[in-house]
Amino acid sequence: MQVDYEGVERVRRILREEFKEEEGFSLTYLPFISRAVVDALHEFPHMNASMGDGSVVLHDEVHLSIAVDLDYQGLLAPVVRNAHDKRLRAIGRDIHDLAGRARNRKLGPDELSGGTFTISNSGSYGTLFVIPIINQPQVAILSTDGVARQPVVVTDEYGNETIGIHSVGNLTLSWDHRAFDGA
């Protein structure tokens, strides 16, 4: 699905310097997407599930796995525990911490297990769309792809359509049809 990130981009522009000064890292799209995924999983609980002994196990809590590239030597998917209880900034902190420790091979086994949904963030590589592979036994995974400035149709305050330049990117979802039909 193509996503117009212009609202997110406006917030990032306003908060960019303050956020980096306070947190010590840049405010990317990933915390926004992660928080939106957590909210969506609340509405669509069959996506926050895993397969167990031939049946679907629904999870009340969201433990969000974030796929981290290890310098083209594989992937790890450390888990942001209890993401459902965290605001955007806390999710961003956890992702930054876990990704850094994953790249430095400083994660414990408990930090790599128990995820209920995975996000694969290929966007920093400029991808158009990636079809992610489900992190078993989970039943779904979302790929976030590159965000670029593109012409889009926008509606002005009078209801007229015009062309604007917005930050646009794709989200690609893979799911296990054993858990739900996809509709």
Protein backbone atom coordinates (compact mmCIF):
# COMPACT_ATOMS: atom_id res chain seq x y z
CA MET A 1 0.00 0.00 0.00
CA GLN A 2 1.28 3.45 -0.85
CA VAL A 3 1.34 5.78 2.16
CA ASP A 4 1.45 9.58 2.21
CA TYR A 5 3.82 10.44 5.07
CA GLU A 6 3.56 14.21 4.72
CA GLY A 7 1.95 14.66 8.15
CA VAL A 8 4.74 12.61 9.74
CA GLU A 9 7.34 14.55 7.75
CA ARG A 10 5.98 17.87 9.06
CA VAL A 11 6.29 16.64 12.65
CA ARG A 12 9.81 15.32 11.99
CA ARG A 13 10.89 18.68 10.54
CA ILE A 14 9.54 20.59 13.54
CA LEU A 15 11.04 18.23 16.14
CA ARG A 16 14.22 17.14 14.32
CA GLU A 17 16.79 19.19 16.24
CA GLU A 18 15.06 19.06 19.63
CA PHE A 19 14.56 15.30 19.41
CA LYS A 20 18.16 14.62 18.40
CA GLU A 21 19.47 16.85 21.19
CA GLU A 22 17.26 15.18 23.82
CA GLU A 23 17.51 11.57 22.64
CA GLY A 24 20.92 11.45 20.95
CA PHE A 25 19.63 9.93 17.70
CA SER A 26 17.51 11.02 14.73
CA LEU A 27 13.74 10.82 14.62
CA THR A 28 13.01 8.46 11.72
CA TYR A 29 9.73 7.22 10.26
CA LEU A 30 10.08 3.86 12.03
CA PRO A 31 8.77 4.92 15.48
CA PHE A 32 5.71 6.50 13.82
CA ILE A 33 5.07 3.36 11.77
CA SER A 34 5.65 1.15 14.82
CA ARG A 35 3.17 3.07 16.95
CA ALA A 36 0.60 2.94 14.11
CA VAL A 37 1.15 -0.83 13.81
CA VAL A 38 0.57 -1.27 17.55
CA ASP A 39 -2.72 0.65 17.24
CA ALA A 40 -3.75 -1.38 14.17
CA LEU A 41 -2.99 -4.66 15.94
CA HIS A 42 -5.45 -3.65 18.64
CA GLU A 43 -8.12 -3.31 15.94
CA PHE A 44 -7.07 -6.47 14.07
CA PRO A 45 -6.03 -8.95 16.77
CA HIS A 46 -5.68 -11.91 14.40
CA MET A 47 -2.55 -10.24 13.04
CA ASN A 48 -0.99 -10.17 16.51
CA ALA A 49 -0.91 -13.93 16.70
CA SER A 50 1.19 -17.01 16.24
CA MET A 51 0.66 -20.56 15.08
CA GLY A 52 0.81 -23.19 17.80
CA ASP A 53 -0.01 -26.89 17.49
CA GLY A 54 -2.16 -26.31 14.39
CA SER A 55 -4.19 -23.48 15.89
CA VAL A 56 -3.96 -19.71 15.97
CA VAL A 57 -2.88 -18.23 19.31
CA LEU A 58 -4.00 -14.60 19.74
CA HIS A 59 -1.81 -12.36 21.89
CA ASP A 60 -3.22 -9.63 24.13
CA GLU A 61 0.15 -7.89 24.39
CA VAL A 62 2.19 -6.54 21.48
CA HIS A 63 5.84 -7.54 21.57
CA LEU A 64 7.13 -5.89 18.41
CA SER A 65 10.09 -7.53 16.63
CA ILE A 66 12.21 -5.16 14.56
CA ALA A 67 14.37 -6.77 11.86
CA VAL A 68 17.93 -5.42 12.03
CA ASP A 69 20.50 -5.90 9.26
CA LEU A 70 23.92 -7.06 10.46
CA ASP A 71 26.07 -5.42 7.77
CA TYR A 72 24.74 -7.78 5.07
CA GLN A 73 25.66 -10.81 7.23
CA GLY A 74 22.15 -11.75 8.24
CA LEU A 75 19.27 -10.37 10.26
CA LEU A 76 18.26 -10.37 13.88
CA ALA A 77 14.80 -9.37 15.11
CA PRO A 78 15.09 -8.03 18.67
CA VAL A 79 11.82 -7.45 20.49
CA VAL A 80 10.36 -4.20 21.83
CA ARG A 81 8.52 -5.65 24.82
CA ASN A 82 5.08 -4.34 25.73
CA ALA A 83 5.00 -1.95 22.77
CA HIS A 84 1.25 -1.56 23.38
CA ASP A 85 2.06 0.34 26.61
CA LYS A 86 4.59 2.72 25.01
CA ARG A 87 4.31 6.09 23.37
CA LEU A 88 6.15 6.91 20.16
CA ARG A 89 9.26 8.33 21.86
CA ALA A 90 9.70 5.25 24.11
CA ILE A 91 9.29 2.93 21.12
CA GLY A 92 11.91 4.98 19.26
CA ARG A 93 14.32 4.68 22.20
CA ASP A 94 13.83 0.93 22.42
CA ILE A 95 14.31 0.45 18.67
CA HIS A 96 17.48 2.55 18.68
CA ASP A 97 18.89 0.68 21.69
CA LEU A 98 18.03 -2.81 20.44
CA ALA A 99 19.24 -2.15 16.89
CA GLY A 100 22.55 -0.77 18.15
CA ARG A 101 23.12 -3.71 20.45
CA ALA A 102 22.09 -6.15 17.70
CA ARG A 103 24.69 -4.68 15.33
CA ASN A 104 27.32 -4.93 18.09
CA ARG A 105 26.27 -8.52 18.93
CA LYS A 106 25.35 -7.56 22.50
CA LEU A 107 21.82 -8.95 22.77
CA GLY A 108 20.72 -11.72 25.06
CA PRO A 109 18.54 -14.62 23.89
CA ASP A 110 15.52 -13.23 25.76
CA GLU A 111 15.71 -10.07 23.64
CA LEU A 112 15.34 -12.12 20.44
CA SER A 113 12.36 -14.29 21.37
CA GLY A 114 8.69 -13.80 22.12
CA GLY A 115 7.83 -11.31 19.38
CA THR A 116 4.19 -11.26 18.28
CA PHE A 117 4.57 -9.17 15.07
CA THR A 118 7.60 -8.07 13.05
CA ILE A 119 8.49 -4.91 11.16
CA SER A 120 11.24 -5.12 8.56
CA ASN A 121 12.68 -1.68 7.82
CA SER A 122 14.25 -1.81 4.35
CA GLY A 123 13.48 1.83 3.62
CA SER A 124 16.91 3.12 4.58
CA TYR A 125 18.24 1.21 1.57
CA GLY A 126 15.91 3.10 -0.78
CA THR A 127 13.72 0.10 -1.63
CA LEU A 128 10.50 0.54 -3.58
CA PHE A 129 8.86 -2.53 -2.07
CA VAL A 130 10.12 -5.66 -0.39
CA ILE A 131 8.05 -8.77 0.16
CA PRO A 132 9.04 -9.80 3.69
CA ILE A 133 9.17 -13.38 4.94
CA ILE A 134 7.11 -14.09 8.04
CA ASN A 135 9.09 -14.53 11.24
CA GLN A 136 7.64 -17.89 12.38
CA PRO A 137 5.64 -18.70 14.45
CA GLN A 138 4.18 -15.20 13.96
CA VAL A 139 1.45 -14.85 11.35
CA ALA A 140 2.36 -11.49 9.75
CA ILE A 141 5.21 -9.11 8.98
CA LEU A 142 5.27 -5.55 7.62
CA SER A 143 8.00 -4.15 5.39
CA THR A 144 8.57 -0.40 5.43
CA ASP A 145 10.16 0.79 2.22
CA GLY A 146 11.89 3.94 1.03
CA VAL A 147 10.19 7.30 1.45
CA ALA A 148 10.72 9.86 -1.30
CA ARG A 149 9.28 13.22 -2.35
CA GLN A 150 6.67 12.63 -5.08
CA PRO A 151 3.87 14.51 -6.80
CA VAL A 152 0.46 13.63 -5.34
CA VAL A 153 -3.09 14.88 -5.74
CA VAL A 154 -4.06 17.00 -2.73
CA THR A 155 -7.28 18.77 -1.83
CA ASP A 156 -7.04 22.40 -0.74
CA GLU A 157 -9.19 24.07 1.93
CA TYR A 158 -11.89 24.82 -0.71
CA GLY A 159 -12.18 21.20 -1.89
CA ASN A 160 -10.21 21.78 -5.08
CA GLU A 161 -7.74 19.16 -6.22
CA THR A 162 -4.21 20.28 -7.01
CA ILE A 163 -0.79 18.69 -7.31
CA GLY A 164 1.49 18.81 -4.28
CA ILE A 165 4.87 17.34 -3.41
CA HIS A 166 4.69 14.96 -0.43
CA SER A 167 6.81 12.31 1.26
CA VAL A 168 5.44 8.99 -0.01
CA GLY A 169 6.47 5.38 0.57
CA ASN A 170 5.15 1.82 0.46
CA LEU A 171 4.21 -0.59 3.19
CA THR A 172 4.11 -4.28 2.26
CA LEU A 173 2.37 -6.84 4.44
CA SER A 174 2.85 -10.61 4.30
CA TRP A 175 0.49 -12.83 6.26
CA ASP A 176 -0.28 -16.45 6.94
CA HIS A 177 -3.65 -17.42 5.47
CA ARG A 178 -4.07 -20.02 8.19
CA ALA A 179 -4.63 -17.17 10.64
CA PHE A 180 -7.04 -15.05 8.55
CA ASP A 181 -8.23 -14.74 4.98
CA GLY A 182 -6.49 -11.47 4.19
CA ALA A 183 -9.59 -9.46 3.42
